[in-house]
Amino acid sequence: MGETALREQICLLAKSMFERGLTGGSTGNISARTDDGGLLVSPTGTSFGRLDPARLSRFNAAGALISGDQPTKEMPLHSAFYDTRSSAGAVVHLHSCHAVALSMMPDADPDNFLPPLTPYGIMKLGRVKLLPFYLPGDPAMGDAVRGLAGKRSAVMLANHGPVVAGKDIEAACNAIEELEDTARLAMMLRGLNARALTEDHVRALVTKFDVEWDD
């Protein structure tokens, strides 16, 4: 995809998520690889609903900012995924409500944050790592992602929001929306005797769709 089209797609998808309440105000950030190995990144303090394609932060392949506005303060998170996952073509971070709520529950599983409720949560995300709370912009968040050595495509920042890497911008956005949908189901079903997928169901999905699952 050419850079002009990629800039427009980033802004279109970001606006769609904003308009559906997946992240509000000036929260959230998004980035994607360019054909020359650089990055396009949402600027700091900007709203997903009003991103300007011409003002996206542009990094070259060496990691230097060469044009556009100053990037999000969460660059360490994005860089950590790109540096540890060769398949990463895009990274999205939201402050989506139900995922944040689920991260606050005392029984949340740090190693497998999302309960196995639907096949697509497993197929698109694999196992989601729940990371502890960090101050926004803390480089330690990037260090925590690096510590996973590229084994997870998605993490949940406790009391903060999900971060997902995908092969391209559309895949990353689809996956993070699936994360929020699964978290919403989990919160709706709390206290009910709901039937989750069994271990056999999960293993069959992992095998059939070649899902990253085991560390």
Foldseek 3Di string as FASTA:
>chain_A
DALLVQLVVQLVLLLVCAVVQQAYQQDKKKKFAHPQQKMWIFAARHHSNDTDSQQTFIAGNVGDTDGHHHHHLVVLQVVLLVVQAVLFGMKIKHQGDLLQVQLPDPPQDQFARFFQADLVLCLLWAGEGEDEADDPSPSVNSVVSNVVRNLGQKYAYHNGTIMGTHNGRVSRSVNRVSVSVRSVVVVVCPPHPDDGDDPVRSVVSCVVNVTRYDD
